[in-house]
Amino acid sequence: MINLVPARAEMASLIRPQPSQMKFGVDISPGALQRFIDSGLAFAVVDGSEVLALGGARDIWPGRAVAWGLLSSGIGATMVPITRAVRRFLDTCPTRRIEAEVAVDHEEGRRWVEMLGFEREGTMRAYWGNADFHLYARVRN
Protein backbone atom coordinates (compact mmCIF):
# COMPACT_ATOMS: atom_id res chain seq x y z
CA MET A 1 0.00 0.00 0.00
CA ILE A 2 1.36 3.39 -1.00
CA ASN A 3 1.47 6.05 1.71
CA LEU A 4 2.66 9.62 2.02
CA VAL A 5 4.69 10.04 5.23
CA PRO A 6 6.99 12.73 6.64
CA ALA A 7 10.49 12.46 5.17
CA ARG A 8 13.36 11.44 7.44
CA ALA A 9 17.02 12.05 6.65
CA GLU A 10 17.93 8.34 6.60
CA MET A 11 15.48 7.82 3.70
CA ALA A 12 18.05 9.44 1.39
CA SER A 13 20.06 6.23 1.44
CA LEU A 14 16.98 4.11 0.66
CA ILE A 15 15.97 5.66 -2.67
CA ARG A 16 17.42 4.67 -6.05
CA PRO A 17 16.95 7.88 -8.09
CA GLN A 18 16.28 7.87 -11.81
CA PRO A 19 19.45 8.46 -13.87
CA SER A 20 17.88 11.46 -15.61
CA GLN A 21 17.60 13.18 -12.23
CA MET A 22 21.17 12.40 -11.22
CA LYS A 23 23.01 13.74 -14.27
CA PHE A 24 23.39 17.18 -12.65
CA GLY A 25 25.13 15.77 -9.57
CA VAL A 26 22.29 16.18 -7.10
CA ASP A 27 23.37 15.51 -3.50
CA ILE A 28 21.00 12.94 -1.98
CA SER A 29 22.92 12.33 1.21
CA PRO A 30 21.09 12.20 4.56
CA GLY A 31 22.60 15.61 5.41
CA ALA A 32 21.30 17.19 2.21
CA LEU A 33 17.85 15.69 2.76
CA GLN A 34 17.85 17.02 6.32
CA ARG A 35 18.54 20.53 4.99
CA PHE A 36 15.52 20.22 2.68
CA ILE A 37 13.40 18.92 5.56
CA ASP A 38 14.49 21.88 7.69
CA SER A 39 13.72 24.43 4.95
CA GLY A 40 10.04 23.64 4.41
CA LEU A 41 7.68 20.76 3.91
CA ALA A 42 9.11 17.33 3.05
CA PHE A 43 7.48 13.98 2.43
CA ALA A 44 8.26 10.46 1.29
CA VAL A 45 6.04 8.20 -0.78
CA VAL A 46 6.54 4.66 0.51
CA ASP A 47 5.27 1.20 -0.31
CA GLY A 48 5.92 -0.79 2.84
CA SER A 49 9.62 -0.23 3.52
CA GLU A 50 10.47 0.85 -0.05
CA VAL A 51 10.96 4.58 -0.66
CA LEU A 52 9.44 5.38 -4.06
CA ALA A 53 9.80 9.16 -3.96
CA LEU A 54 11.05 12.00 -1.83
CA GLY A 55 9.83 15.54 -2.26
CA GLY A 56 8.54 18.70 -0.77
CA ALA A 57 8.41 22.44 -1.02
CA ARG A 58 11.35 24.55 0.16
CA ASP A 59 10.23 27.93 1.52
CA ILE A 60 11.71 30.97 -0.20
CA TRP A 61 9.59 33.56 1.58
CA PRO A 62 6.01 33.58 2.92
CA GLY A 63 3.67 32.55 0.12
CA ARG A 64 6.43 31.26 -2.23
CA ALA A 65 8.18 27.89 -2.27
CA VAL A 66 10.17 25.79 -4.73
CA ALA A 67 9.14 22.17 -5.18
CA TRP A 68 11.80 19.48 -5.21
CA GLY A 69 11.57 15.79 -5.74
CA LEU A 70 13.34 12.54 -6.50
CA LEU A 71 11.62 9.55 -8.03
CA SER A 72 12.96 6.03 -7.70
CA SER A 73 14.04 4.06 -10.76
CA GLY A 74 11.60 1.44 -11.94
CA ILE A 75 8.49 2.84 -10.25
CA GLY A 76 6.39 2.09 -13.36
CA ALA A 77 2.93 0.96 -12.22
CA THR A 78 3.11 2.95 -8.99
CA MET A 79 3.32 6.27 -10.86
CA VAL A 80 -0.47 6.84 -10.78
CA PRO A 81 -0.83 6.46 -6.98
CA ILE A 82 2.38 8.48 -6.47
CA THR A 83 0.94 11.27 -8.60
CA ARG A 84 -2.31 11.20 -6.61
CA ALA A 85 -0.41 11.37 -3.32
CA VAL A 86 1.76 14.28 -4.46
CA ARG A 87 -1.28 16.11 -5.83
CA ARG A 88 -2.97 15.76 -2.41
CA PHE A 89 0.18 17.20 -0.81
CA LEU A 90 0.13 20.15 -3.21
CA ASP A 91 -3.60 20.72 -2.71
CA THR A 92 -3.14 20.96 1.06
CA CYS A 93 0.14 22.88 1.06
CA PRO A 94 -0.44 26.29 2.67
CA THR A 95 1.91 28.07 0.26
CA ARG A 96 0.09 30.10 -2.43
CA ARG A 97 2.83 29.90 -5.12
CA ILE A 98 4.90 26.76 -5.63
CA GLU A 99 7.51 26.73 -8.38
CA ALA A 100 9.21 23.78 -10.07
CA GLU A 101 12.31 23.73 -12.25
CA VAL A 102 12.62 21.03 -14.92
CA ALA A 103 15.54 20.50 -17.30
CA VAL A 104 14.45 21.30 -20.86
CA ASP A 105 15.45 17.83 -22.06
CA HIS A 106 13.69 15.98 -19.20
CA GLU A 107 10.46 15.12 -21.02
CA GLU A 108 9.11 12.84 -18.29
CA GLY A 109 9.65 15.55 -15.67
CA ARG A 110 7.84 18.09 -17.82
CA ARG A 111 4.85 15.80 -18.31
CA TRP A 112 4.70 15.00 -14.61
CA VAL A 113 4.74 18.59 -13.32
CA GLU A 114 2.01 19.44 -15.82
CA MET A 115 -0.05 16.47 -14.52
CA LEU A 116 0.43 17.92 -11.03
CA GLY A 117 -1.13 21.22 -12.13
CA PHE A 118 1.97 23.33 -12.77
CA GLU A 119 1.99 25.77 -15.69
CA ARG A 120 5.11 26.69 -17.62
CA GLU A 121 6.13 30.33 -17.17
CA GLY A 122 9.34 30.44 -19.18
CA THR A 123 12.81 29.08 -19.83
CA MET A 124 15.82 29.85 -17.67
CA ARG A 125 18.90 29.70 -19.90
CA ALA A 126 22.15 28.21 -18.54
CA TYR A 127 20.38 27.85 -15.20
CA TRP A 128 22.13 24.90 -13.56
CA GLY A 129 25.10 22.91 -14.81
CA ASN A 130 25.06 25.15 -17.88
CA ALA A 131 21.74 23.55 -18.90
CA ASP A 132 18.47 25.27 -19.72
CA PHE A 133 15.52 24.66 -17.40
CA HIS A 134 11.82 25.43 -17.70
CA LEU A 135 10.23 27.31 -14.82
CA TYR A 136 6.78 26.07 -13.82
CA ALA A 137 4.44 27.43 -11.17
CA ARG A 138 1.27 26.32 -9.45
CA VAL A 139 -0.57 29.30 -7.98
CA ARG A 140 -3.56 28.91 -5.71
CA ASN A 141 -6.22 31.59 -6.13
C-alpha atoms as a PDB file:
ATOM      1  CA  MET A   1       0.000   0.000   0.000  1.00  0.00           C
ATOM      2  CA  ILE A   2       1.364   3.389  -1.003  1.00  0.00           C
ATOM      3  CA  ASN A   3       1.466   6.054   1.711  1.00  0.00           C
ATOM      4  CA  LEU A   4       2.657   9.624   2.017  1.00  0.00           C
ATOM      5  CA  VAL A   5       4.692  10.040   5.226  1.00  0.00           C
ATOM      6  CA  PRO A   6       6.987  12.729   6.642  1.00  0.00           C
ATOM      7  CA  ALA A   7      10.488  12.459   5.169  1.00  0.00           C
ATOM      8  CA  ARG A   8      13.360  11.441   7.437  1.00  0.00           C
ATOM      9  CA  ALA A   9      17.025  12.055   6.646  1.00  0.00           C
ATOM     10  CA  GLU A  10      17.926   8.342   6.599  1.00  0.00           C
ATOM     11  CA  MET A  11      15.484   7.817   3.697  1.00  0.00           C
ATOM     12  CA  ALA A  12      18.054   9.438   1.394  1.00  0.00           C
ATOM     13  CA  SER A  13      20.062   6.227   1.440  1.00  0.00           C
ATOM     14  CA  LEU A  14      16.976   4.106   0.658  1.00  0.00           C
ATOM     15  CA  ILE A  15      15.969   5.661  -2.666  1.00  0.00           C
ATOM     16  CA  ARG A  16      17.421   4.670  -6.047  1.00  0.00           C
ATOM     17  CA  PRO A  17      16.949   7.878  -8.094  1.00  0.00           C
ATOM     18  CA  GLN A  18      16.282   7.873 -11.813  1.00  0.00           C
ATOM     19  CA  PRO A  19      19.450   8.455 -13.871  1.00  0.00           C
ATOM     20  CA  SER A  20      17.883  11.460 -15.613  1.00  0.00           C
ATOM     21  CA  GLN A  21      17.602  13.178 -12.232  1.00  0.00           C
ATOM     22  CA  MET A  22      21.167  12.396 -11.222  1.00  0.00           C
ATOM     23  CA  LYS A  23      23.009  13.742 -14.274  1.00  0.00           C
ATOM     24  CA  PHE A  24      23.391  17.180 -12.650  1.00  0.00           C
ATOM     25  CA  GLY A  25      25.134  15.773  -9.573  1.00  0.00           C
ATOM     26  CA  VAL A  26      22.291  16.176  -7.096  1.00  0.00           C
ATOM     27  CA  ASP A  27      23.370  15.511  -3.502  1.00  0.00           C
ATOM     28  CA  ILE A  28      21.001  12.943  -1.983  1.00  0.00           C
ATOM     29  CA  SER A  29      22.917  12.332   1.213  1.00  0.00           C
ATOM     30  CA  PRO A  30      21.087  12.205   4.556  1.00  0.00           C
ATOM     31  CA  GLY A  31      22.600  15.612   5.413  1.00  0.00           C
ATOM     32  CA  ALA A  32      21.301  17.185   2.208  1.00  0.00           C
ATOM     33  CA  LEU A  33      17.848  15.694   2.756  1.00  0.00           C
ATOM     34  CA  GLN A  34      17.845  17.018   6.323  1.00  0.00           C
ATOM     35  CA  ARG A  35      18.537  20.530   4.985  1.00  0.00           C
ATOM     36  CA  PHE A  36      15.515  20.217   2.677  1.00  0.00           C
ATOM     37  CA  ILE A  37      13.396  18.918   5.558  1.00  0.00           C
ATOM     38  CA  ASP A  38      14.492  21.879   7.694  1.00  0.00           C
ATOM     39  CA  SER A  39      13.715  24.431   4.952  1.00  0.00           C
ATOM     40  CA  GLY A  40      10.045  23.637   4.411  1.00  0.00           C
ATOM     41  CA  LEU A  41       7.676  20.756   3.914  1.00  0.00           C
ATOM     42  CA  ALA A  42       9.112  17.329   3.045  1.00  0.00           C
ATOM     43  CA  PHE A  43       7.480  13.976   2.427  1.00  0.00           C
ATOM     44  CA  ALA A  44       8.262  10.456   1.293  1.00  0.00           C
ATOM     45  CA  VAL A  45       6.044   8.197  -0.775  1.00  0.00           C
ATOM     46  CA  VAL A  46       6.537   4.661   0.505  1.00  0.00           C
ATOM     47  CA  ASP A  47       5.270   1.203  -0.315  1.00  0.00           C
ATOM     48  CA  GLY A  48       5.924  -0.785   2.842  1.00  0.00           C
ATOM     49  CA  SER A  49       9.623  -0.227   3.524  1.00  0.00           C
ATOM     50  CA  GLU A  50      10.467   0.851  -0.048  1.00  0.00           C
ATOM     51  CA  VAL A  51      10.965   4.583  -0.657  1.00  0.00           C
ATOM     52  CA  LEU A  52       9.443   5.379  -4.055  1.00  0.00           C
ATOM     53  CA  ALA A  53       9.800   9.159  -3.963  1.00  0.00           C
ATOM     54  CA  LEU A  54      11.052  12.004  -1.832  1.00  0.00           C
ATOM     55  CA  GLY A  55       9.833  15.537  -2.263  1.00  0.00           C
ATOM     56  CA  GLY A  56       8.539  18.697  -0.775  1.00  0.00           C
ATOM     57  CA  ALA A  57       8.411  22.442  -1.018  1.00  0.00           C
ATOM     58  CA  ARG A  58      11.348  24.551   0.163  1.00  0.00           C
ATOM     59  CA  ASP A  59      10.229  27.928   1.519  1.00  0.00           C
ATOM     60  CA  ILE A  60      11.714  30.967  -0.203  1.00  0.00           C
ATOM     61  CA  TRP A  61       9.590  33.564   1.581  1.00  0.00           C
ATOM     62  CA  PRO A  62       6.009  33.581   2.920  1.00  0.00           C
ATOM     63  CA  GLY A  63       3.675  32.551   0.123  1.00  0.00           C
ATOM     64  CA  ARG A  64       6.427  31.258  -2.230  1.00  0.00           C
ATOM     65  CA  ALA A  65       8.181  27.889  -2.270  1.00  0.00           C
ATOM     66  CA  VAL A  66      10.169  25.788  -4.733  1.00  0.00           C
ATOM     67  CA  ALA A  67       9.143  22.173  -5.184  1.00  0.00           C
ATOM     68  CA  TRP A  68      11.798  19.484  -5.211  1.00  0.00           C
ATOM     69  CA  GLY A  69      11.575  15.786  -5.740  1.00  0.00           C
ATOM     70  CA  LEU A  70      13.340  12.542  -6.497  1.00  0.00           C
ATOM     71  CA  LEU A  71      11.623   9.546  -8.032  1.00  0.00           C
ATOM     72  CA  SER A  72      12.957   6.026  -7.703  1.00  0.00           C
ATOM     73  CA  SER A  73      14.041   4.056 -10.765  1.00  0.00           C
ATOM     74  CA  GLY A  74      11.595   1.441 -11.943  1.00  0.00           C
ATOM     75  CA  ILE A  75       8.495   2.837 -10.253  1.00  0.00           C
ATOM     76  CA  GLY A  76       6.385   2.085 -13.356  1.00  0.00           C
ATOM     77  CA  ALA A  77       2.933   0.958 -12.218  1.00  0.00           C
ATOM     78  CA  THR A  78       3.112   2.952  -8.989  1.00  0.00           C
ATOM     79  CA  MET A  79       3.321   6.272 -10.858  1.00  0.00           C
ATOM     80  CA  VAL A  80      -0.467   6.836 -10.779  1.00  0.00           C
ATOM     81  CA  PRO A  81      -0.825   6.461  -6.978  1.00  0.00           C
ATOM     82  CA  ILE A  82       2.380   8.477  -6.466  1.00  0.00           C
ATOM     83  CA  THR A  83       0.937  11.274  -8.603  1.00  0.00           C
ATOM     84  CA  ARG A  84      -2.308  11.201  -6.613  1.00  0.00           C
ATOM     85  CA  ALA A  85      -0.408  11.366  -3.315  1.00  0.00           C
ATOM     86  CA  VAL A  86       1.757  14.281  -4.464  1.00  0.00           C
ATOM     87  CA  ARG A  87      -1.280  16.111  -5.833  1.00  0.00           C
ATOM     88  CA  ARG A  88      -2.970  15.755  -2.406  1.00  0.00           C
ATOM     89  CA  PHE A  89       0.179  17.197  -0.808  1.00  0.00           C
ATOM     90  CA  LEU A  90       0.134  20.154  -3.207  1.00  0.00           C
ATOM     91  CA  ASP A  91      -3.597  20.723  -2.715  1.00  0.00           C
ATOM     92  CA  THR A  92      -3.145  20.962   1.064  1.00  0.00           C
ATOM     93  CA  CYS A  93       0.143  22.878   1.055  1.00  0.00           C
ATOM     94  CA  PRO A  94      -0.441  26.295   2.667  1.00  0.00           C
ATOM     95  CA  THR A  95       1.908  28.074   0.255  1.00  0.00           C
ATOM     96  CA  ARG A  96       0.089  30.096  -2.431  1.00  0.00           C
ATOM     97  CA  ARG A  97       2.834  29.896  -5.125  1.00  0.00           C
ATOM     98  CA  ILE A  98       4.901  26.761  -5.626  1.00  0.00           C
ATOM     99  CA  GLU A  99       7.513  26.729  -8.376  1.00  0.00           C
ATOM    100  CA  ALA A 100       9.208  23.778 -10.069  1.00  0.00           C
ATOM    101  CA  GLU A 101      12.310  23.733 -12.250  1.00  0.00           C
ATOM    102  CA  VAL A 102      12.624  21.026 -14.921  1.00  0.00           C
ATOM    103  CA  ALA A 103      15.541  20.498 -17.303  1.00  0.00           C
ATOM    104  CA  VAL A 104      14.450  21.301 -20.864  1.00  0.00           C
ATOM    105  CA  ASP A 105      15.452  17.827 -22.061  1.00  0.00           C
ATOM    106  CA  HIS A 106      13.692  15.981 -19.204  1.00  0.00           C
ATOM    107  CA  GLU A 107      10.461  15.123 -21.024  1.00  0.00           C
ATOM    108  CA  GLU A 108       9.110  12.836 -18.289  1.00  0.00           C
ATOM    109  CA  GLY A 109       9.648  15.553 -15.673  1.00  0.00           C
ATOM    110  CA  ARG A 110       7.840  18.094 -17.823  1.00  0.00           C
ATOM    111  CA  ARG A 111       4.851  15.798 -18.307  1.00  0.00           C
ATOM    112  CA  TRP A 112       4.701  14.997 -14.610  1.00  0.00           C
ATOM    113  CA  VAL A 113       4.740  18.587 -13.315  1.00  0.00           C
ATOM    114  CA  GLU A 114       2.011  19.438 -15.816  1.00  0.00           C
ATOM    115  CA  MET A 115      -0.053  16.473 -14.519  1.00  0.00           C
ATOM    116  CA  LEU A 116       0.433  17.918 -11.035  1.00  0.00           C
ATOM    117  CA  GLY A 117      -1.128  21.219 -12.129  1.00  0.00           C
ATOM    118  CA  PHE A 118       1.974  23.327 -12.772  1.00  0.00           C
ATOM    119  CA  GLU A 119       1.990  25.769 -15.693  1.00  0.00           C
ATOM    120  CA  ARG A 120       5.113  26.691 -17.625  1.00  0.00           C
ATOM    121  CA  GLU A 121       6.135  30.328 -17.168  1.00  0.00           C
ATOM    122  CA  GLY A 122       9.344  30.440 -19.177  1.00  0.00           C
ATOM    123  CA  THR A 123      12.808  29.077 -19.832  1.00  0.00           C
ATOM    124  CA  MET A 124      15.822  29.847 -17.674  1.00  0.00           C
ATOM    125  CA  ARG A 125      18.898  29.699 -19.898  1.00  0.00           C
ATOM    126  CA  ALA A 126      22.150  28.208 -18.544  1.00  0.00           C
ATOM    127  CA  TYR A 127      20.377  27.845 -15.200  1.00  0.00           C
ATOM    128  CA  TRP A 128      22.134  24.896 -13.561  1.00  0.00           C
ATOM    129  CA  GLY A 129      25.104  22.907 -14.805  1.00  0.00           C
ATOM    130  CA  ASN A 130      25.061  25.150 -17.881  1.00  0.00           C
ATOM    131  CA  ALA A 131      21.736  23.548 -18.901  1.00  0.00           C
ATOM    132  CA  ASP A 132      18.474  25.274 -19.717  1.00  0.00           C
ATOM    133  CA  PHE A 133      15.516  24.665 -17.399  1.00  0.00           C
ATOM    134  CA  HIS A 134      11.823  25.434 -17.704  1.00  0.00           C
ATOM    135  CA  LEU A 135      10.226  27.310 -14.816  1.00  0.00           C
ATOM    136  CA  TYR A 136       6.785  26.070 -13.823  1.00  0.00           C
ATOM    137  CA  ALA A 137       4.440  27.428 -11.166  1.00  0.00           C
ATOM    138  CA  ARG A 138       1.273  26.321  -9.450  1.00  0.00           C
ATOM    139  CA  VAL A 139      -0.572  29.297  -7.979  1.00  0.00           C
ATOM    140  CA  ARG A 140      -3.558  28.913  -5.713  1.00  0.00           C
ATOM    141  CA  ASN A 141      -6.225  31.593  -6.134  1.00  0.00           C
END
